[in-house]
Amino acid sequence: MPRILKRAIPCLLALAGLALVLPSCSNEFRKRVETDTLPVTEDKERFTVKFSGVSTILVDDGRTQVLIDGYFSRVHRSLFNTMAPDLEQIVAGSDALGIRDFECINAVAEPANTCASRQYSGLSVIIPAHGHYDHAMDSAIVAARHGAILLADESGRDLRAAARTFVGDNCDDCDWDRVAPSEYFDSGAQNARSFGAGSFKITLYRTEHFCSFITEFGAGNNPEDIVLPTSLFGMKEGVAVSILVEQGDKGLLIVPSSNAFETVVAEHGIKADVVMMGIGGNGWKSKSYLENVFTSLAEEAGAKRIIPIHWDKDSTKLFGEGHDSQNVQLEPSAIMRLDRTLAVMDSVTQEFAADVGFAPVIDAFDPFAGIDS
C-alpha cells in the first residue's frame, strides 16, 4: 500500500461522513466574533498582539517584534490552480500591521544573525508555523523586506530560495543578503528549543499537524528545486511547531495547527496564561477529542483565555487597492463546523473559570487584559 494511503487512512476514518454532511453556516460563531472581540489598546509599550487572519500574528513590546507566519497574499486556491506570493498584498499587509525594519541597538548596521538577541529592535524573528502555503509562502519575502531572521527548517530554506527567484528584481526593498535562515531543530533530534528576542523568551515545540485526508497530500518536505508558482500541495508541511512567547510572568502560547495537542502539553509541562488556538477543521473531530484538547489547555497549561485563530476564509484579500485598511474584517469559513468547536470550548472554559475571546483584526490588543492578577 502506498505510504500516503497508509498515513491517510486513520485520518480519513476520523473524518468519515464529511462528504455526506452539509457544512455548518457558523452563525453562532459569527455572532460571537462580533460580540466577544477583545478591546483594542493604545498602549504600545507593553506586550501586545496584532492578528490578520489564519495564524499571522505580530507580537510587539514597543521595541522588539516577533512575527508568526506573515501570510498576507491570501491567494485563491483549488486543486487546479497554481499559487505564488502577491507582493502588493505583502507590502500592504506589512504596512497595515505596523511591521518595522530590524535594527541592532547601538550597532544599527549589524545584521540580525550577528546582533546580540537583547539588542533586537523592530522585526527580529519570523517563525512560519509549518511549510504550507497559508503559513510559509510569504515569510521569506517579509524577512527580506525587513531584515529579520527567518526560522526555517530545510523545507523553509528551499522555499526561501524559490521566493527569491520568483520576485527577482520586482522587490526593490528586499535585501536577501540580510535574511538569516536558521533551523528550528538539529536533525530532528529535539522536540523543543528556546531562544531570546529582545525581552521575549521564545520556545518552539514540535507539534503534529492537524490530521485530515487532504492535508496528508501536503505532508513531507519540499524538493530542493521547488519553484513558484506551485500547486496547492506543492508546498510541503516540513516541521510543524507551536510557539510559546514569554515576557516576565506572562506567557502566550500560539498553536496554529495541531493534532491531539494535549500530548505536547503533557510532554513539556507547558504553562501559558493565554492560548491562541488554531481551530480549523477541529469541528469534524469527535466531542471527546475536542474536550481533551481544551481541557489540557485550561487545566494542565493553566490558560485563563483561549483565542481562536485559523478559522477564516484564507482566500479573501484584505489589503491594498480596493480594500479599506481601517475596517478589515474576516469571514468565518463555512466548512469548519465552527459552532460545534465553539460550543465545546465554551463548556470547558466555563468549567475551569477561563474565557473565550476573539482577536481584533489588525489593531493591537493586550491578550492578558482582564485576567492579570
Protein backbone atom coordinates (compact mmCIF):
# COMPACT_ATOMS: atom_id res chain seq x y z
CA MET A 1 0.00 0.00 0.00
CA PRO A 2 1.41 3.44 -0.90
CA ARG A 3 2.86 5.34 2.07
CA ILE A 4 0.48 8.29 1.66
CA LEU A 5 -2.53 5.99 1.86
CA LYS A 6 -1.18 4.32 4.99
CA ARG A 7 -0.86 7.73 6.65
CA ALA A 8 -4.20 8.95 5.32
CA ILE A 9 -6.45 6.04 6.30
CA PRO A 10 -6.68 6.84 10.08
CA CYS A 11 -7.35 10.48 9.28
CA LEU A 12 -9.91 9.57 6.64
CA LEU A 13 -11.76 7.36 9.11
CA ALA A 14 -11.72 10.16 11.70
CA LEU A 15 -13.47 12.40 9.18
CA ALA A 16 -15.86 9.73 7.87
CA GLY A 17 -19.13 11.11 6.65
CA LEU A 18 -17.67 14.54 5.87
CA ALA A 19 -18.96 14.49 2.32
CA LEU A 20 -22.42 13.42 3.48
CA VAL A 21 -22.98 16.24 5.94
CA LEU A 22 -23.90 19.77 4.94
CA PRO A 23 -21.40 22.37 6.17
CA SER A 24 -22.30 24.44 9.18
CA CYS A 25 -23.02 28.09 8.47
CA SER A 26 -21.20 29.05 11.68
CA ASN A 27 -23.91 31.52 12.62
CA GLU A 28 -23.22 31.46 16.38
CA PHE A 29 -19.50 31.74 15.79
CA ARG A 30 -20.06 34.77 13.59
CA LYS A 31 -22.15 36.45 16.30
CA ARG A 32 -19.51 35.77 18.92
CA VAL A 33 -16.78 37.30 16.77
CA GLU A 34 -18.87 40.47 16.78
CA THR A 35 -19.73 40.46 20.49
CA ASP A 36 -16.66 38.94 22.18
CA THR A 37 -13.79 40.67 20.42
CA LEU A 38 -11.15 41.80 22.91
CA PRO A 39 -10.64 45.56 23.33
CA VAL A 40 -8.06 47.45 21.31
CA THR A 41 -5.22 49.01 23.27
CA GLU A 42 -3.41 52.28 22.63
CA ASP A 43 -0.54 51.34 24.95
CA LYS A 44 2.07 50.06 22.50
CA GLU A 45 4.87 49.91 25.08
CA ARG A 46 3.66 46.67 26.62
CA PHE A 47 3.21 43.06 25.46
CA THR A 48 0.68 43.48 22.62
CA VAL A 49 -0.52 41.36 19.72
CA LYS A 50 -1.85 42.09 16.23
CA PHE A 51 -3.74 39.49 14.19
CA SER A 52 -4.53 39.49 10.47
CA GLY A 53 -6.18 36.15 9.85
CA VAL A 54 -5.18 32.48 9.61
CA SER A 55 -2.29 32.46 12.12
CA THR A 56 -0.43 35.60 11.11
CA ILE A 57 0.34 37.14 14.50
CA LEU A 58 2.67 40.02 15.36
CA VAL A 59 3.94 40.15 18.95
CA ASP A 60 5.34 43.54 19.94
CA ASP A 61 6.50 45.29 23.10
CA GLY A 62 7.19 48.66 21.50
CA ARG A 63 10.76 47.72 20.69
CA THR A 64 11.08 44.10 19.54
CA GLN A 65 8.68 42.41 17.13
CA VAL A 66 8.23 38.68 16.52
CA LEU A 67 6.06 37.55 13.61
CA ILE A 68 4.33 34.21 13.21
CA ASP A 69 3.85 33.24 9.54
CA GLY A 70 3.33 36.64 7.89
CA TYR A 71 0.89 35.29 5.29
CA PHE A 72 -0.61 38.29 3.52
CA SER A 73 -1.10 37.07 -0.07
CA ARG A 74 -4.30 35.13 0.77
CA VAL A 75 -4.38 33.60 -2.70
CA HIS A 76 -7.29 31.79 -4.31
CA ARG A 77 -6.58 28.10 -4.04
CA SER A 78 -8.04 24.98 -5.60
CA LEU A 79 -6.84 21.63 -6.86
CA PHE A 80 -6.44 23.09 -10.33
CA ASN A 81 -4.67 26.45 -9.99
CA THR A 82 -1.13 27.35 -9.00
CA MET A 83 -0.21 29.92 -6.37
CA ALA A 84 2.58 32.33 -5.62
CA PRO A 85 3.25 35.31 -3.33
CA ASP A 86 1.33 38.52 -4.05
CA LEU A 87 3.90 41.28 -3.49
CA GLU A 88 1.29 44.05 -3.40
CA GLN A 89 -0.60 42.27 -0.62
CA ILE A 90 2.61 41.55 1.28
CA VAL A 91 3.66 45.21 1.23
CA ALA A 92 0.19 46.49 2.13
CA GLY A 93 -0.33 43.87 4.84
CA SER A 94 3.06 44.51 6.43
CA ASP A 95 2.36 48.24 6.47
CA ALA A 96 -1.13 47.73 7.93
CA LEU A 97 0.28 45.56 10.70
CA GLY A 98 2.93 48.16 11.53
CA ILE A 99 5.96 45.99 10.90
CA ARG A 100 9.22 47.89 11.46
CA ASP A 101 12.63 47.23 9.92
CA PHE A 102 15.14 45.38 12.07
CA GLU A 103 17.83 47.38 13.84
CA CYS A 104 20.53 46.28 16.22
CA ILE A 105 20.52 48.75 19.11
CA ASN A 106 23.88 50.53 19.47
CA ALA A 107 25.05 48.89 16.24
CA VAL A 108 22.50 49.83 13.60
CA ALA A 109 24.41 48.27 10.70
CA GLU A 110 24.72 44.91 12.46
CA PRO A 111 22.57 42.18 10.81
CA ALA A 112 20.11 40.20 12.89
CA ASN A 113 22.06 36.94 12.80
CA THR A 114 25.12 38.52 14.46
CA CYS A 115 23.33 41.01 16.72
CA ALA A 116 23.00 40.08 20.41
CA SER A 117 19.40 39.00 20.99
CA ARG A 118 18.89 41.52 23.81
CA GLN A 119 19.68 44.28 21.29
CA TYR A 120 16.93 43.33 18.83
CA SER A 121 14.69 46.20 17.69
CA GLY A 122 11.98 46.09 15.03
CA LEU A 123 11.02 42.87 13.30
CA SER A 124 13.64 40.46 14.57
CA VAL A 125 12.36 36.93 14.00
CA ILE A 126 9.81 35.37 11.65
CA ILE A 127 8.54 31.90 12.53
CA PRO A 128 6.50 30.04 9.90
CA ALA A 129 4.42 27.52 11.87
CA HIS A 130 4.99 24.96 9.11
CA GLY A 131 5.61 24.88 5.38
CA HIS A 132 2.12 25.05 3.87
CA TYR A 133 1.21 27.99 1.65
CA ASP A 134 -1.06 29.69 4.22
CA HIS A 135 1.81 29.88 6.71
CA ALA A 136 5.19 29.97 4.94
CA MET A 137 4.66 31.20 1.39
CA ASP A 138 5.27 34.91 2.19
CA SER A 139 7.60 34.55 5.17
CA ALA A 140 10.92 34.81 3.35
CA ILE A 141 9.83 37.92 1.41
CA VAL A 142 8.70 39.64 4.63
CA ALA A 143 12.06 38.75 6.18
CA ALA A 144 13.94 40.14 3.18
CA ARG A 145 11.97 43.41 3.25
CA HIS A 146 12.63 44.00 6.95
CA GLY A 147 15.98 42.32 7.66
CA ALA A 148 14.62 39.71 10.07
CA ILE A 149 15.88 36.26 10.98
CA LEU A 150 13.82 33.57 9.24
CA LEU A 151 13.49 30.49 11.41
CA ALA A 152 13.03 27.70 8.90
CA ASP A 153 13.62 24.00 8.57
CA GLU A 154 15.10 22.52 5.40
CA SER A 155 11.81 22.88 3.53
CA GLY A 156 11.56 26.51 4.58
CA ARG A 157 15.05 27.27 3.31
CA ASP A 158 14.24 25.70 -0.05
CA LEU A 159 11.06 27.79 -0.21
CA ARG A 160 13.12 30.91 0.59
CA ALA A 161 15.28 30.24 -2.47
CA ALA A 162 12.16 29.78 -4.60
CA ALA A 163 10.68 33.05 -3.29
CA ARG A 164 13.88 34.94 -4.07
CA THR A 165 13.86 33.65 -7.64
CA PHE A 166 10.15 34.39 -8.03
CA VAL A 167 10.30 38.07 -7.01
CA GLY A 168 13.56 38.67 -8.88
CA ASP A 169 14.08 42.41 -9.37
CA ASN A 170 10.46 43.28 -8.57
CA CYS A 171 11.10 43.83 -4.85
CA ASP A 172 13.26 46.93 -4.57
CA ASP A 173 13.39 46.85 -0.78
CA CYS A 174 14.20 43.14 -0.47
CA ASP A 175 17.71 42.63 0.89
CA TRP A 176 18.19 38.89 0.65
CA ASP A 177 21.73 39.05 1.96
CA ARG A 178 20.38 40.22 5.34
CA VAL A 179 17.99 37.28 5.65
CA ALA A 180 19.48 34.79 8.08
CA PRO A 181 17.69 31.45 7.70
CA SER A 182 18.06 29.33 10.81
CA GLU A 183 16.86 25.81 11.52
CA TYR A 184 14.17 25.00 14.04
CA PHE A 185 15.82 21.82 15.25
CA ASP A 186 19.01 19.86 14.64
CA SER A 187 18.42 16.73 12.56
CA GLY A 188 15.02 16.15 14.15
CA ALA A 189 16.63 15.21 17.47
CA GLN A 190 14.93 17.88 19.55
CA ASN A 191 11.27 18.42 20.34
CA ALA A 192 11.69 21.86 21.95
CA ARG A 193 14.02 24.80 21.52
CA SER A 194 14.24 28.16 23.32
CA PHE A 195 15.94 31.42 22.39
CA GLY A 196 15.76 35.13 23.20
CA ALA A 197 14.43 38.02 21.14
CA GLY A 198 14.74 41.34 22.94
CA SER A 199 12.87 40.94 26.23
CA PHE A 200 10.92 37.94 24.89
CA LYS A 201 11.75 34.31 25.52
CA ILE A 202 10.57 32.14 22.61
CA THR A 203 10.12 28.38 22.87
CA LEU A 204 9.23 26.24 19.87
CA TYR A 205 7.54 22.87 20.36
CA ARG A 206 7.46 20.30 17.61
CA THR A 207 3.74 19.71 17.01
CA GLU A 208 1.90 17.20 14.87
CA HIS A 209 -0.10 18.95 12.15
CA PHE A 210 -3.88 18.73 12.08
CA CYS A 211 -4.89 15.36 10.71
CA SER A 212 -7.13 15.09 7.66
CA PHE A 213 -7.12 13.14 4.43
CA ILE A 214 -6.50 16.32 2.44
CA THR A 215 -3.54 17.54 4.50
CA GLU A 216 -1.81 14.18 4.03
CA PHE A 217 -1.12 15.22 0.44
CA GLY A 218 0.87 18.15 1.83
CA ALA A 219 2.96 16.06 4.23
CA GLY A 220 6.71 15.60 3.88
CA ASN A 221 9.42 18.04 2.79
CA ASN A 222 9.84 20.34 -0.18
CA PRO A 223 12.11 19.24 -3.01
CA GLU A 224 15.32 21.24 -3.19
CA ASP A 225 14.32 22.54 -6.62
CA ILE A 226 10.85 23.80 -5.64
CA VAL A 227 9.72 26.72 -7.79
CA LEU A 228 6.95 29.29 -7.54
CA PRO A 229 4.18 29.35 -8.63
CA THR A 230 3.31 25.85 -7.44
CA SER A 231 0.21 23.80 -6.74
CA LEU A 232 -1.91 23.62 -3.59
CA PHE A 233 0.09 20.63 -2.35
CA GLY A 234 3.39 21.81 -3.80
CA MET A 235 4.48 23.46 -0.54
CA LYS A 236 5.05 20.63 1.90
CA GLU A 237 4.49 20.66 5.65
CA GLY A 238 8.08 20.14 6.80
CA VAL A 239 8.45 20.64 10.57
CA ALA A 240 5.33 21.97 12.33
CA VAL A 241 5.69 23.92 15.55
CA SER A 242 3.75 25.70 18.25
CA ILE A 243 5.24 28.82 19.83
CA LEU A 244 5.35 29.97 23.44
CA VAL A 245 6.18 33.67 23.84
CA GLU A 246 7.06 34.74 27.38
CA GLN A 247 7.89 38.09 28.91
CA GLY A 248 8.34 38.27 32.66
CA ASP A 249 5.48 36.34 34.24
CA LYS A 250 3.28 36.44 31.12
CA GLY A 251 3.01 33.60 28.65
CA LEU A 252 1.23 33.47 25.28
CA LEU A 253 1.03 30.07 23.57
CA ILE A 254 0.33 30.09 19.81
CA VAL A 255 -0.86 26.80 18.29
CA PRO A 256 -1.52 27.36 14.56
CA SER A 257 -2.27 23.72 13.78
CA SER A 258 -2.21 20.57 15.85
CA ASN A 259 -3.40 17.01 16.33
CA ALA A 260 -4.04 15.78 19.88
CA PHE A 261 -2.14 18.76 21.29
CA GLU A 262 -2.74 17.56 24.86
CA THR A 263 0.19 15.18 24.35
CA VAL A 264 2.53 18.15 23.68
CA VAL A 265 1.26 19.95 26.80
CA ALA A 266 1.86 16.84 28.89
CA GLU A 267 5.30 16.05 27.44
CA HIS A 268 6.71 19.53 28.07
CA GLY A 269 4.63 20.71 31.03
CA ILE A 270 3.67 23.84 29.09
CA LYS A 271 2.18 26.73 31.08
CA ALA A 272 0.56 29.76 29.47
CA ASP A 273 -1.91 32.44 30.57
CA VAL A 274 -3.41 32.78 27.09
CA VAL A 275 -3.58 30.37 24.17
CA MET A 276 -4.20 31.43 20.57
CA MET A 277 -5.53 28.13 19.24
CA GLY A 278 -5.91 27.12 15.62
CA ILE A 279 -9.32 25.51 15.27
CA GLY A 280 -9.58 24.99 11.51
CA GLY A 281 -11.07 21.56 10.86
CA ASN A 282 -11.49 20.68 14.54
CA GLY A 283 -15.26 20.83 14.19
CA TRP A 284 -15.12 17.50 12.35
CA LYS A 285 -13.36 15.79 15.26
CA SER A 286 -15.25 13.97 17.99
CA LYS A 287 -16.58 15.79 21.03
CA SER A 288 -14.24 13.82 23.29
CA TYR A 289 -11.26 14.83 21.13
CA LEU A 290 -12.17 18.50 21.49
CA GLU A 291 -12.78 18.15 25.22
CA ASN A 292 -9.36 16.56 25.72
CA VAL A 293 -7.59 19.36 23.85
CA PHE A 294 -9.35 22.27 25.53
CA THR A 295 -9.23 20.65 28.98
CA SER A 296 -5.47 20.23 28.67
CA LEU A 297 -5.12 23.93 27.84
CA ALA A 298 -7.34 25.13 30.70
CA GLU A 299 -6.37 22.60 33.36
CA GLU A 300 -2.83 21.45 32.58
CA ALA A 301 -1.44 24.56 30.88
CA GLY A 302 -3.41 26.86 33.19
CA ALA A 303 -4.81 29.05 30.38
CA LYS A 304 -7.27 31.68 31.55
CA ARG A 305 -8.20 32.66 28.00
CA ILE A 306 -8.42 30.85 24.66
CA ILE A 307 -8.41 32.94 21.49
CA PRO A 308 -9.47 31.02 18.36
CA ILE A 309 -7.35 31.51 15.22
CA HIS A 310 -7.15 29.86 11.79
CA TRP A 311 -10.93 29.99 11.36
CA ASP A 312 -11.29 32.43 8.47
CA LYS A 313 -11.63 32.04 4.70
CA ASP A 314 -7.98 32.44 3.79
CA SER A 315 -8.56 33.35 0.14
CA THR A 316 -10.32 36.63 0.97
CA LYS A 317 -8.00 39.54 0.16
CA LEU A 318 -7.67 42.10 2.96
CA PHE A 319 -5.19 44.72 1.85
CA GLY A 320 -4.14 47.07 -0.90
CA GLU A 321 -6.13 48.87 -3.58
CA GLY A 322 -9.87 48.47 -3.23
CA HIS A 323 -9.71 47.46 0.44
CA ASP A 324 -10.44 49.61 3.48
CA SER A 325 -7.43 49.22 5.77
CA GLN A 326 -9.40 50.90 8.57
CA ASN A 327 -12.17 48.33 8.51
CA VAL A 328 -10.61 44.94 7.83
CA GLN A 329 -12.95 42.05 8.58
CA LEU A 330 -12.53 38.30 8.38
CA GLU A 331 -15.14 35.92 7.01
CA PRO A 332 -15.62 32.69 9.02
CA SER A 333 -15.14 29.55 6.98
CA ALA A 334 -18.42 27.80 6.22
CA ILE A 335 -16.94 24.29 6.15
CA MET A 336 -15.14 24.09 9.51
CA ARG A 337 -18.19 23.48 11.77
CA LEU A 338 -17.04 26.36 13.92
CA ASP A 339 -20.25 26.48 16.00
CA ARG A 340 -19.59 22.94 17.20
CA THR A 341 -15.99 23.69 18.19
CA LEU A 342 -17.07 26.89 19.96
CA ALA A 343 -19.73 25.05 21.99
CA VAL A 344 -17.17 22.61 23.39
CA MET A 345 -14.67 25.41 24.00
CA ASP A 346 -17.31 27.34 25.95
CA SER A 347 -18.22 24.33 28.07
CA VAL A 348 -14.63 23.55 29.02
CA THR A 349 -13.53 27.12 29.70
CA GLN A 350 -16.57 27.75 31.89
CA GLU A 351 -15.72 24.68 33.94
CA PHE A 352 -12.22 25.98 34.60
CA ALA A 353 -13.15 29.67 35.06
CA ALA A 354 -11.45 30.68 31.81
CA ASP A 355 -12.93 32.64 28.90
CA VAL A 356 -13.06 32.65 25.11
CA GLY A 357 -12.17 35.91 23.37
CA PHE A 358 -11.58 36.93 19.78
CA ALA A 359 -8.65 38.91 18.45
CA PRO A 360 -9.35 42.26 16.78
CA VAL A 361 -8.20 42.31 13.18
CA ILE A 362 -5.08 44.44 12.55
CA ASP A 363 -5.46 46.58 15.70
CA ALA A 364 -3.17 46.00 18.67
CA PHE A 365 -4.66 44.34 21.73
CA ASP A 366 -3.46 43.13 25.11
CA PRO A 367 -4.17 39.37 25.22
CA PHE A 368 -3.87 39.39 29.01
CA ALA A 369 -6.32 42.25 29.63
CA GLY A 370 -8.82 41.35 32.32
CA ILE A 371 -7.00 38.26 33.53
CA ASP A 372 -3.96 39.88 35.16
CA SER A 373 -3.78 39.35 38.90
